[in-house]
């Protein structure tokens, strides 16, 4: 299905504007990536250590009352999140000291006394020690690094090294962009968001490979054409496919954002932003980067 046909948009001519915009996104991500290991971000208990308890009440409750109950029990640093439906409450307590199970049991006892007139059940309990949290931080960084190295090796093997380098830069740009946006929005960064970033890396690569495939094909057929024109032609030829693919994915993610519930809301948001940025980068970042390896005759250096 082709939504648009025979486009002749000069994407390469707009690359300098795109580079400025991408540099701003990447810089925001670099700042976030620098501050996150220092603890200067909204990190989840996966990385900081702590306790998270999800309660389901029989009747509606007031969030302010829950806050007063916790303050009275000396849990002033606890974070509360009320779900839109279902009379559910999520309590997070980061960087907790002492035995995690004891802290979890104490939180449950506090709510049992404070809401004696409104019974509840404990739907889930998560406890992560500070040592485990630090290890998970390192593991998350390793996971992202290994994925980028894998992308470089795969694309270099399938195409050429210069294509692999361009793909890795574009993918790293996408990861940094989403990470930076989440940092600016003060969204919680946890293992679920790292999962979204790794998923985004795979999607971004797939989108980039489709464009690279057409560029390689046209290099064989139209080797003497100016590289700028050849890349523009290639992007325009797969533009309809790119729009259709990205649109269908965005429709699914939009449904998850609206109706998926609070638990996966940030995960869906990260993927939604990632697909937008990934589609943009395959056109305005990865492809124009190939021009950096342009020889004197206007062809790719091989």
C-alpha atoms as a PDB file:
ATOM      1  CA  UNK A   1       0.000   0.000   0.000  1.00  0.00           C
ATOM      2  CA  UNK A   2       1.422   3.355  -1.041  1.00  0.00           C
ATOM      3  CA  UNK A   3      -0.047   6.420   0.634  1.00  0.00           C
ATOM      4  CA  UNK A   4       2.118   8.739  -1.436  1.00  0.00           C
ATOM      5  CA  UNK A   5       3.835   8.235  -4.763  1.00  0.00           C
ATOM      6  CA  UNK A   6       6.629   9.848  -6.780  1.00  0.00           C
ATOM      7  CA  UNK A   7       7.755  12.322  -4.117  1.00  0.00           C
ATOM      8  CA  UNK A   8      10.775  14.518  -4.786  1.00  0.00           C
ATOM      9  CA  UNK A   9      11.455  16.018  -1.369  1.00  0.00           C
ATOM     10  CA  UNK A  10      14.941  17.414  -0.825  1.00  0.00           C
ATOM     11  CA  UNK A  11      15.712  15.765   2.513  1.00  0.00           C
ATOM     12  CA  UNK A  12      19.485  16.099   2.146  1.00  0.00           C
ATOM     13  CA  UNK A  13      19.184  19.836   1.492  1.00  0.00           C
ATOM     14  CA  UNK A  14      17.676  20.223   4.964  1.00  0.00           C
ATOM     15  CA  UNK A  15      20.360  18.185   6.718  1.00  0.00           C
ATOM     16  CA  UNK A  16      22.035  21.143   8.434  1.00  0.00           C
ATOM     17  CA  UNK A  17      18.792  22.166  10.128  1.00  0.00           C
ATOM     18  CA  UNK A  18      18.292  18.541  11.127  1.00  0.00           C
ATOM     19  CA  UNK A  19      21.842  18.300  12.499  1.00  0.00           C
ATOM     20  CA  UNK A  20      21.265  21.346  14.735  1.00  0.00           C
ATOM     21  CA  UNK A  21      18.005  19.867  16.037  1.00  0.00           C
ATOM     22  CA  UNK A  22      19.615  16.445  16.541  1.00  0.00           C
ATOM     23  CA  UNK A  23      22.586  17.985  18.331  1.00  0.00           C
ATOM     24  CA  UNK A  24      20.204  19.627  20.814  1.00  0.00           C
ATOM     25  CA  UNK A  25      18.422  16.303  21.416  1.00  0.00           C
ATOM     26  CA  UNK A  26      21.695  14.409  21.799  1.00  0.00           C
ATOM     27  CA  UNK A  27      23.148  17.047  24.138  1.00  0.00           C
ATOM     28  CA  UNK A  28      20.104  16.763  26.385  1.00  0.00           C
ATOM     29  CA  UNK A  29      20.562  13.000  26.422  1.00  0.00           C
ATOM     30  CA  UNK A  30      24.274  13.281  27.212  1.00  0.00           C
ATOM     31  CA  UNK A  31      23.509  15.575  30.160  1.00  0.00           C
ATOM     32  CA  UNK A  32      20.898  13.085  31.386  1.00  0.00           C
ATOM     33  CA  UNK A  33      23.267  10.125  30.939  1.00  0.00           C
ATOM     34  CA  UNK A  34      25.929  12.017  32.922  1.00  0.00           C
ATOM     35  CA  UNK A  35      23.653  12.988  35.806  1.00  0.00           C
ATOM     36  CA  UNK A  36      21.757   9.702  36.109  1.00  0.00           C
ATOM     37  CA  UNK A  37      24.726   7.678  37.515  1.00  0.00           C
ATOM     38  CA  UNK A  38      25.229  10.494  40.042  1.00  0.00           C
ATOM     39  CA  UNK A  39      21.685   9.971  41.310  1.00  0.00           C
ATOM     40  CA  UNK A  40      20.504  13.375  40.072  1.00  0.00           C
ATOM     41  CA  UNK A  41      17.460  12.028  38.252  1.00  0.00           C
ATOM     42  CA  UNK A  42      14.124  10.421  38.969  1.00  0.00           C
ATOM     43  CA  UNK A  43      15.468   6.870  39.227  1.00  0.00           C
ATOM     44  CA  UNK A  44      13.191   3.962  40.046  1.00  0.00           C
ATOM     45  CA  UNK A  45      13.824   1.575  42.912  1.00  0.00           C
ATOM     46  CA  UNK A  46      15.347  -0.825  40.354  1.00  0.00           C
ATOM     47  CA  UNK A  47      18.424   1.421  40.405  1.00  0.00           C
ATOM     48  CA  UNK A  48      18.281   3.160  43.805  1.00  0.00           C
ATOM     49  CA  UNK A  49      17.040   0.281  45.922  1.00  0.00           C
ATOM     50  CA  UNK A  50      13.877   0.460  47.988  1.00  0.00           C
ATOM     51  CA  UNK A  51      10.360  -0.880  48.367  1.00  0.00           C
ATOM     52  CA  UNK A  52       7.258  -0.549  46.198  1.00  0.00           C
ATOM     53  CA  UNK A  53       3.836  -1.771  47.321  1.00  0.00           C
ATOM     54  CA  UNK A  54       0.630  -1.712  45.290  1.00  0.00           C
ATOM     55  CA  UNK A  55      -2.639  -1.714  47.259  1.00  0.00           C
ATOM     56  CA  UNK A  56      -6.203  -2.198  46.074  1.00  0.00           C
ATOM     57  CA  UNK A  57      -8.905  -0.722  48.325  1.00  0.00           C
ATOM     58  CA  UNK A  58     -12.517  -1.826  48.524  1.00  0.00           C
ATOM     59  CA  UNK A  59     -13.803   1.761  48.377  1.00  0.00           C
ATOM     60  CA  UNK A  60     -12.492   5.049  46.911  1.00  0.00           C
ATOM     61  CA  UNK A  61      -9.906   6.795  49.059  1.00  0.00           C
ATOM     62  CA  UNK A  62      -8.423  10.278  49.372  1.00  0.00           C
ATOM     63  CA  UNK A  63      -4.774  10.626  48.347  1.00  0.00           C
ATOM     64  CA  UNK A  64      -4.271  13.376  50.931  1.00  0.00           C
ATOM     65  CA  UNK A  65      -5.404  11.011  53.667  1.00  0.00           C
ATOM     66  CA  UNK A  66      -2.869   8.418  52.511  1.00  0.00           C
ATOM     67  CA  UNK A  67      -0.159  11.074  52.610  1.00  0.00           C
ATOM     68  CA  UNK A  68      -1.073  12.075  56.187  1.00  0.00           C
ATOM     69  CA  UNK A  69      -1.033   8.429  57.276  1.00  0.00           C
ATOM     70  CA  UNK A  70       2.515   8.007  55.908  1.00  0.00           C
ATOM     71  CA  UNK A  71       3.743  11.313  57.337  1.00  0.00           C
ATOM     72  CA  UNK A  72       2.446  10.310  60.769  1.00  0.00           C
ATOM     73  CA  UNK A  73       4.411   7.052  60.586  1.00  0.00           C
ATOM     74  CA  UNK A  74       7.643   8.864  59.607  1.00  0.00           C
ATOM     75  CA  UNK A  75       7.471   7.827  55.937  1.00  0.00           C
ATOM     76  CA  UNK A  76       7.645  11.408  54.654  1.00  0.00           C
ATOM     77  CA  UNK A  77       9.895  10.503  51.692  1.00  0.00           C
ATOM     78  CA  UNK A  78       7.432   7.964  50.293  1.00  0.00           C
ATOM     79  CA  UNK A  79       6.068   8.612  46.784  1.00  0.00           C
ATOM     80  CA  UNK A  80       2.379   8.004  46.121  1.00  0.00           C
ATOM     81  CA  UNK A  81       0.739   7.265  42.797  1.00  0.00           C
ATOM     82  CA  UNK A  82      -3.018   6.883  42.476  1.00  0.00           C
ATOM     83  CA  UNK A  83      -4.309   4.891  39.511  1.00  0.00           C
ATOM     84  CA  UNK A  84      -7.063   6.370  37.403  1.00  0.00           C
ATOM     85  CA  UNK A  85      -9.456   3.516  38.182  1.00  0.00           C
ATOM     86  CA  UNK A  86      -9.769   0.520  40.456  1.00  0.00           C
ATOM     87  CA  UNK A  87      -9.118   2.250  43.835  1.00  0.00           C
ATOM     88  CA  UNK A  88      -5.445   1.358  43.564  1.00  0.00           C
ATOM     89  CA  UNK A  89      -2.476   3.040  45.202  1.00  0.00           C
ATOM     90  CA  UNK A  90       1.240   2.566  44.558  1.00  0.00           C
ATOM     91  CA  UNK A  91       3.672   3.483  47.338  1.00  0.00           C
ATOM     92  CA  UNK A  92       7.379   3.807  46.573  1.00  0.00           C
ATOM     93  CA  UNK A  93      10.058   4.248  49.197  1.00  0.00           C
ATOM     94  CA  UNK A  94      13.525   4.717  47.699  1.00  0.00           C
ATOM     95  CA  UNK A  95      16.922   4.315  49.361  1.00  0.00           C
ATOM     96  CA  UNK A  96      15.334   2.685  52.372  1.00  0.00           C
ATOM     97  CA  UNK A  97      17.568   1.690  55.257  1.00  0.00           C
ATOM     98  CA  UNK A  98      17.240  -1.518  57.226  1.00  0.00           C
ATOM     99  CA  UNK A  99      15.585  -4.796  56.299  1.00  0.00           C
ATOM    100  CA  UNK A 100      13.409  -4.411  53.209  1.00  0.00           C
ATOM    101  CA  UNK A 101      10.842  -6.999  54.273  1.00  0.00           C
ATOM    102  CA  UNK A 102      10.439  -5.264  57.630  1.00  0.00           C
ATOM    103  CA  UNK A 103       9.868  -1.941  55.863  1.00  0.00           C
ATOM    104  CA  UNK A 104       7.309  -3.554  53.573  1.00  0.00           C
ATOM    105  CA  UNK A 105       5.442  -5.122  56.490  1.00  0.00           C
ATOM    106  CA  UNK A 106       5.489  -1.841  58.398  1.00  0.00           C
ATOM    107  CA  UNK A 107       3.987   0.042  55.448  1.00  0.00           C
ATOM    108  CA  UNK A 108       1.187  -2.509  55.255  1.00  0.00           C
ATOM    109  CA  UNK A 109       0.516  -2.200  59.006  1.00  0.00           C
ATOM    110  CA  UNK A 110       0.443   1.596  58.795  1.00  0.00           C
ATOM    111  CA  UNK A 111      -2.244   1.523  56.100  1.00  0.00           C
ATOM    112  CA  UNK A 112      -4.207  -1.171  57.928  1.00  0.00           C
ATOM    113  CA  UNK A 113      -4.485   1.186  60.928  1.00  0.00           C
ATOM    114  CA  UNK A 114      -4.917   4.386  58.948  1.00  0.00           C
ATOM    115  CA  UNK A 115      -7.634   2.901  56.718  1.00  0.00           C
ATOM    116  CA  UNK A 116      -9.406   0.657  59.194  1.00  0.00           C
ATOM    117  CA  UNK A 117     -12.723   1.638  57.587  1.00  0.00           C
ATOM    118  CA  UNK A 118     -11.531   0.781  54.067  1.00  0.00           C
ATOM    119  CA  UNK A 119     -10.082  -2.703  53.684  1.00  0.00           C
ATOM    120  CA  UNK A 120      -7.451  -3.405  51.067  1.00  0.00           C
ATOM    121  CA  UNK A 121      -5.362  -6.201  49.602  1.00  0.00           C
ATOM    122  CA  UNK A 122      -1.662  -6.118  48.690  1.00  0.00           C
ATOM    123  CA  UNK A 123      -1.537  -6.740  44.927  1.00  0.00           C
ATOM    124  CA  UNK A 124       2.240  -6.681  44.574  1.00  0.00           C
ATOM    125  CA  UNK A 125       5.385  -5.995  46.540  1.00  0.00           C
ATOM    126  CA  UNK A 126       8.820  -5.210  45.106  1.00  0.00           C
ATOM    127  CA  UNK A 127      11.948  -4.916  47.211  1.00  0.00           C
ATOM    128  CA  UNK A 128      15.402  -4.146  45.815  1.00  0.00           C
ATOM    129  CA  UNK A 129      18.518  -3.738  47.941  1.00  0.00           C
ATOM    130  CA  UNK A 130      20.927  -0.834  47.287  1.00  0.00           C
ATOM    131  CA  UNK A 131      23.726  -3.211  46.229  1.00  0.00           C
ATOM    132  CA  UNK A 132      21.445  -4.900  43.697  1.00  0.00           C
ATOM    133  CA  UNK A 133      20.297  -1.478  42.471  1.00  0.00           C
ATOM    134  CA  UNK A 134      23.870  -0.412  41.688  1.00  0.00           C
ATOM    135  CA  UNK A 135      24.524  -3.687  39.906  1.00  0.00           C
ATOM    136  CA  UNK A 136      21.387  -3.201  37.813  1.00  0.00           C
ATOM    137  CA  UNK A 137      22.639   0.262  36.815  1.00  0.00           C
ATOM    138  CA  UNK A 138      25.881  -1.245  35.522  1.00  0.00           C
ATOM    139  CA  UNK A 139      24.040  -4.082  33.795  1.00  0.00           C
ATOM    140  CA  UNK A 140      21.723  -1.607  32.067  1.00  0.00           C
ATOM    141  CA  UNK A 141      24.691   0.380  30.724  1.00  0.00           C
ATOM    142  CA  UNK A 142      26.324  -2.829  29.507  1.00  0.00           C
ATOM    143  CA  UNK A 143      23.093  -3.906  27.813  1.00  0.00           C
ATOM    144  CA  UNK A 144      22.826  -0.662  25.843  1.00  0.00           C
ATOM    145  CA  UNK A 145      26.548  -0.705  24.946  1.00  0.00           C
ATOM    146  CA  UNK A 146      26.474  -4.319  23.754  1.00  0.00           C
ATOM    147  CA  UNK A 147      23.369  -3.663  21.658  1.00  0.00           C
ATOM    148  CA  UNK A 148      25.068  -0.734  19.901  1.00  0.00           C
ATOM    149  CA  UNK A 149      28.187  -2.843  19.269  1.00  0.00           C
ATOM    150  CA  UNK A 150      25.977  -5.594  17.847  1.00  0.00           C
ATOM    151  CA  UNK A 151      24.310  -3.092  15.530  1.00  0.00           C
ATOM    152  CA  UNK A 152      27.706  -1.892  14.277  1.00  0.00           C
ATOM    153  CA  UNK A 153      28.888  -5.443  13.560  1.00  0.00           C
ATOM    154  CA  UNK A 154      25.629  -6.491  11.873  1.00  0.00           C
ATOM    155  CA  UNK A 155      25.292  -3.457   9.584  1.00  0.00           C
ATOM    156  CA  UNK A 156      29.028  -3.474   8.766  1.00  0.00           C
ATOM    157  CA  UNK A 157      28.702  -7.148   7.770  1.00  0.00           C
ATOM    158  CA  UNK A 158      25.496  -6.683   5.790  1.00  0.00           C
ATOM    159  CA  UNK A 159      26.562  -3.452   4.081  1.00  0.00           C
ATOM    160  CA  UNK A 160      29.904  -1.781   4.778  1.00  0.00           C
ATOM    161  CA  UNK A 161      31.666  -0.321   7.796  1.00  0.00           C
ATOM    162  CA  UNK A 162      30.648   3.250   6.938  1.00  0.00           C
ATOM    163  CA  UNK A 163      26.991   2.200   6.875  1.00  0.00           C
ATOM    164  CA  UNK A 164      27.456   0.517  10.259  1.00  0.00           C
ATOM    165  CA  UNK A 165      29.021   3.614  11.802  1.00  0.00           C
ATOM    166  CA  UNK A 166      26.181   5.800  10.480  1.00  0.00           C
ATOM    167  CA  UNK A 167      23.565   3.337  11.828  1.00  0.00           C
ATOM    168  CA  UNK A 168      25.169   3.228  15.290  1.00  0.00           C
ATOM    169  CA  UNK A 169      25.363   7.040  15.479  1.00  0.00           C
ATOM    170  CA  UNK A 170      21.694   7.335  14.472  1.00  0.00           C
ATOM    171  CA  UNK A 171      20.607   4.646  16.966  1.00  0.00           C
ATOM    172  CA  UNK A 172      22.672   6.179  19.772  1.00  0.00           C
ATOM    173  CA  UNK A 173      21.095   9.529  18.878  1.00  0.00           C
ATOM    174  CA  UNK A 174      17.611   7.997  19.278  1.00  0.00           C
ATOM    175  CA  UNK A 175      18.416   6.455  22.658  1.00  0.00           C
ATOM    176  CA  UNK A 176      19.918   9.710  23.939  1.00  0.00           C
ATOM    177  CA  UNK A 177      16.961  11.729  22.633  1.00  0.00           C
ATOM    178  CA  UNK A 178      14.337   9.640  24.452  1.00  0.00           C
ATOM    179  CA  UNK A 179      16.475   9.498  27.605  1.00  0.00           C
ATOM    180  CA  UNK A 180      16.894  13.289  27.520  1.00  0.00           C
ATOM    181  CA  UNK A 181      13.169  13.896  27.031  1.00  0.00           C
ATOM    182  CA  UNK A 182      12.344  11.617  29.964  1.00  0.00           C
ATOM    183  CA  UNK A 183      14.877  13.475  32.092  1.00  0.00           C
ATOM    184  CA  UNK A 184      13.360  16.848  31.199  1.00  0.00           C
ATOM    185  CA  UNK A 185       9.849  15.540  31.949  1.00  0.00           C
ATOM    186  CA  UNK A 186      11.137  14.147  35.282  1.00  0.00           C
ATOM    187  CA  UNK A 187       9.733  10.727  34.393  1.00  0.00           C
ATOM    188  CA  UNK A 188      10.941   7.772  36.420  1.00  0.00           C
ATOM    189  CA  UNK A 189      13.803   5.884  34.798  1.00  0.00           C
ATOM    190  CA  UNK A 190      13.692   2.190  35.636  1.00  0.00           C
ATOM    191  CA  UNK A 191      14.377  -1.201  34.055  1.00  0.00           C
ATOM    192  CA  UNK A 192      11.142  -0.977  32.050  1.00  0.00           C
ATOM    193  CA  UNK A 193      12.411   2.217  30.398  1.00  0.00           C
ATOM    194  CA  UNK A 194      15.756   0.539  29.628  1.00  0.00           C
ATOM    195  CA  UNK A 195      13.749  -2.257  27.994  1.00  0.00           C
ATOM    196  CA  UNK A 196      11.939   0.372  25.918  1.00  0.00           C
ATOM    197  CA  UNK A 197      15.265   1.920  24.867  1.00  0.00           C
ATOM    198  CA  UNK A 198      16.613  -1.458  23.747  1.00  0.00           C
ATOM    199  CA  UNK A 199      13.384  -2.126  21.840  1.00  0.00           C
ATOM    200  CA  UNK A 200      13.719   1.316  20.274  1.00  0.00           C
ATOM    201  CA  UNK A 201      17.282   0.504  19.177  1.00  0.00           C
ATOM    202  CA  UNK A 202      15.985  -2.535  17.296  1.00  0.00           C
ATOM    203  CA  UNK A 203      13.163  -0.603  15.650  1.00  0.00           C
ATOM    204  CA  UNK A 204      15.424   2.288  14.676  1.00  0.00           C
ATOM    205  CA  UNK A 205      17.921  -0.122  13.122  1.00  0.00           C
ATOM    206  CA  UNK A 206      15.199  -1.857  11.087  1.00  0.00           C
ATOM    207  CA  UNK A 207      13.948   1.457   9.733  1.00  0.00           C
ATOM    208  CA  UNK A 208      17.490   2.591   8.907  1.00  0.00           C
ATOM    209  CA  UNK A 209      18.370  -0.687   7.171  1.00  0.00           C
ATOM    210  CA  UNK A 210      15.400  -0.301   4.798  1.00  0.00           C
ATOM    211  CA  UNK A 211      16.708   3.101   3.668  1.00  0.00           C
ATOM    212  CA  UNK A 212      20.308   1.820   3.465  1.00  0.00           C
ATOM    213  CA  UNK A 213      19.145  -1.146   1.401  1.00  0.00           C
ATOM    214  CA  UNK A 214      17.645   1.170  -1.207  1.00  0.00           C
ATOM    215  CA  UNK A 215      20.744   3.406  -1.172  1.00  0.00           C
ATOM    216  CA  UNK A 216      22.977   0.380  -1.808  1.00  0.00           C
ATOM    217  CA  UNK A 217      20.678  -0.800  -4.606  1.00  0.00           C
ATOM    218  CA  UNK A 218      20.765   2.602  -6.279  1.00  0.00           C
ATOM    219  CA  UNK A 219      24.541   2.796  -5.857  1.00  0.00           C
ATOM    220  CA  UNK A 220      24.784  -0.271  -8.078  1.00  0.00           C
ATOM    221  CA  UNK A 221      22.280   1.005 -10.634  1.00  0.00           C
ATOM    222  CA  UNK A 222      23.149   4.711 -10.602  1.00  0.00           C
ATOM    223  CA  UNK A 223      26.747   4.759  -9.441  1.00  0.00           C
ATOM    224  CA  UNK A 224      27.581   7.938 -11.375  1.00  0.00           C
ATOM    225  CA  UNK A 225      24.693   9.985  -9.974  1.00  0.00           C
ATOM    226  CA  UNK A 226      25.644  12.684  -7.438  1.00  0.00           C
ATOM    227  CA  UNK A 227      25.527  11.146  -3.981  1.00  0.00           C
ATOM    228  CA  UNK A 228      23.184  13.828  -2.612  1.00  0.00           C
ATOM    229  CA  UNK A 229      20.699  13.146  -5.411  1.00  0.00           C
ATOM    230  CA  UNK A 230      21.074   9.382  -5.050  1.00  0.00           C
ATOM    231  CA  UNK A 231      20.349   9.464  -1.290  1.00  0.00           C
ATOM    232  CA  UNK A 232      17.380  11.800  -1.832  1.00  0.00           C
ATOM    233  CA  UNK A 233      16.021   9.479  -4.501  1.00  0.00           C
ATOM    234  CA  UNK A 234      16.418   6.456  -2.224  1.00  0.00           C
ATOM    235  CA  UNK A 235      14.655   8.080   0.745  1.00  0.00           C
ATOM    236  CA  UNK A 236      11.760   9.212  -1.453  1.00  0.00           C
ATOM    237  CA  UNK A 237      11.402   5.729  -2.940  1.00  0.00           C
ATOM    238  CA  UNK A 238      10.894   4.121   0.487  1.00  0.00           C
ATOM    239  CA  UNK A 239       9.096   7.086   2.066  1.00  0.00           C
ATOM    240  CA  UNK A 240       5.629   5.564   1.690  1.00  0.00           C
ATOM    241  CA  UNK A 241       6.790   2.307   3.286  1.00  0.00           C
ATOM    242  CA  UNK A 242       8.384   4.227   6.161  1.00  0.00           C
ATOM    243  CA  UNK A 243       5.242   6.260   6.819  1.00  0.00           C
ATOM    244  CA  UNK A 244       2.924   3.219   6.692  1.00  0.00           C
ATOM    245  CA  UNK A 245       5.140   1.137   8.999  1.00  0.00           C
ATOM    246  CA  UNK A 246       5.683   3.910  11.549  1.00  0.00           C
ATOM    247  CA  UNK A 247       2.003   4.899  11.511  1.00  0.00           C
ATOM    248  CA  UNK A 248       0.777   1.383  12.257  1.00  0.00           C
ATOM    249  CA  UNK A 249       3.229   1.046  15.149  1.00  0.00           C
ATOM    250  CA  UNK A 250       2.238   4.476  16.499  1.00  0.00           C
ATOM    251  CA  UNK A 251      -1.456   3.518  16.415  1.00  0.00           C
ATOM    252  CA  UNK A 252      -0.745   0.503  18.643  1.00  0.00           C
ATOM    253  CA  UNK A 253       1.408   2.552  21.029  1.00  0.00           C
ATOM    254  CA  UNK A 254      -1.225   5.296  21.190  1.00  0.00           C
ATOM    255  CA  UNK A 255      -3.794   2.682  22.214  1.00  0.00           C
ATOM    256  CA  UNK A 256      -1.428   1.483  24.963  1.00  0.00           C
ATOM    257  CA  UNK A 257      -0.863   5.067  26.113  1.00  0.00           C
ATOM    258  CA  UNK A 258      -4.580   5.763  26.390  1.00  0.00           C
ATOM    259  CA  UNK A 259      -5.916   2.438  27.661  1.00  0.00           C
ATOM    260  CA  UNK A 260      -2.877   0.445  28.781  1.00  0.00           C
ATOM    261  CA  UNK A 261      -2.976   1.579  32.387  1.00  0.00           C
ATOM    262  CA  UNK A 262      -0.508   3.330  34.666  1.00  0.00           C
ATOM    263  CA  UNK A 263       1.914   0.419  34.983  1.00  0.00           C
ATOM    264  CA  UNK A 264       3.020   0.506  31.320  1.00  0.00           C
ATOM    265  CA  UNK A 265       2.251   4.181  30.627  1.00  0.00           C
ATOM    266  CA  UNK A 266       5.868   5.366  30.737  1.00  0.00           C
ATOM    267  CA  UNK A 267       7.000   2.304  28.773  1.00  0.00           C
ATOM    268  CA  UNK A 268       4.446   3.104  26.048  1.00  0.00           C
ATOM    269  CA  UNK A 269       5.419   6.781  26.089  1.00  0.00           C
ATOM    270  CA  UNK A 270       9.113   5.926  25.665  1.00  0.00           C
ATOM    271  CA  UNK A 271       8.345   3.696  22.676  1.00  0.00           C
ATOM    272  CA  UNK A 272       5.957   6.257  21.172  1.00  0.00           C
ATOM    273  CA  UNK A 273       8.615   8.977  21.346  1.00  0.00           C
ATOM    274  CA  UNK A 274      11.239   6.497  20.170  1.00  0.00           C
ATOM    275  CA  UNK A 275       9.346   5.542  17.015  1.00  0.00           C
ATOM    276  CA  UNK A 276       8.899   9.231  16.132  1.00  0.00           C
ATOM    277  CA  UNK A 277      12.591   9.981  16.728  1.00  0.00           C
ATOM    278  CA  UNK A 278      13.715   6.740  15.044  1.00  0.00           C
ATOM    279  CA  UNK A 279      11.734   7.468  11.887  1.00  0.00           C
ATOM    280  CA  UNK A 280      13.136  10.992  11.814  1.00  0.00           C
ATOM    281  CA  UNK A 281      16.735   9.820  12.357  1.00  0.00           C
ATOM    282  CA  UNK A 282      16.669   7.195   9.590  1.00  0.00           C
ATOM    283  CA  UNK A 283      15.885  10.000   7.138  1.00  0.00           C
ATOM    284  CA  UNK A 284      17.620  13.063   8.558  1.00  0.00           C
ATOM    285  CA  UNK A 285      20.541  11.579  10.542  1.00  0.00           C
ATOM    286  CA  UNK A 286      21.672   8.155   9.306  1.00  0.00           C
ATOM    287  CA  UNK A 287      21.410   8.853   5.570  1.00  0.00           C
ATOM    288  CA  UNK A 288      23.035  12.330   5.556  1.00  0.00           C
ATOM    289  CA  UNK A 289      25.919  10.941   7.632  1.00  0.00           C
ATOM    290  CA  UNK A 290      26.944   8.882   4.605  1.00  0.00           C
ATOM    291  CA  UNK A 291      27.936  12.160   2.941  1.00  0.00           C
ATOM    292  CA  UNK A 292      30.820  12.453   5.418  1.00  0.00           C
ATOM    293  CA  UNK A 293      32.507   9.597   3.563  1.00  0.00           C
ATOM    294  CA  UNK A 294      32.001  11.150   0.155  1.00  0.00           C
ATOM    295  CA  UNK A 295      35.072  11.068  -2.037  1.00  0.00           C
ATOM    296  CA  UNK A 296      36.265  13.731  -4.455  1.00  0.00           C
ATOM    297  CA  UNK A 297      34.076  12.281  -7.207  1.00  0.00           C
ATOM    298  CA  UNK A 298      31.011  12.516  -5.023  1.00  0.00           C
ATOM    299  CA  UNK A 299      30.852   8.795  -4.348  1.00  0.00           C
ATOM    300  CA  UNK A 300      31.071   6.795  -1.148  1.00  0.00           C
ATOM    301  CA  UNK A 301      34.619   5.850  -0.215  1.00  0.00           C
ATOM    302  CA  UNK A 302      34.885   2.056  -0.228  1.00  0.00           C
END
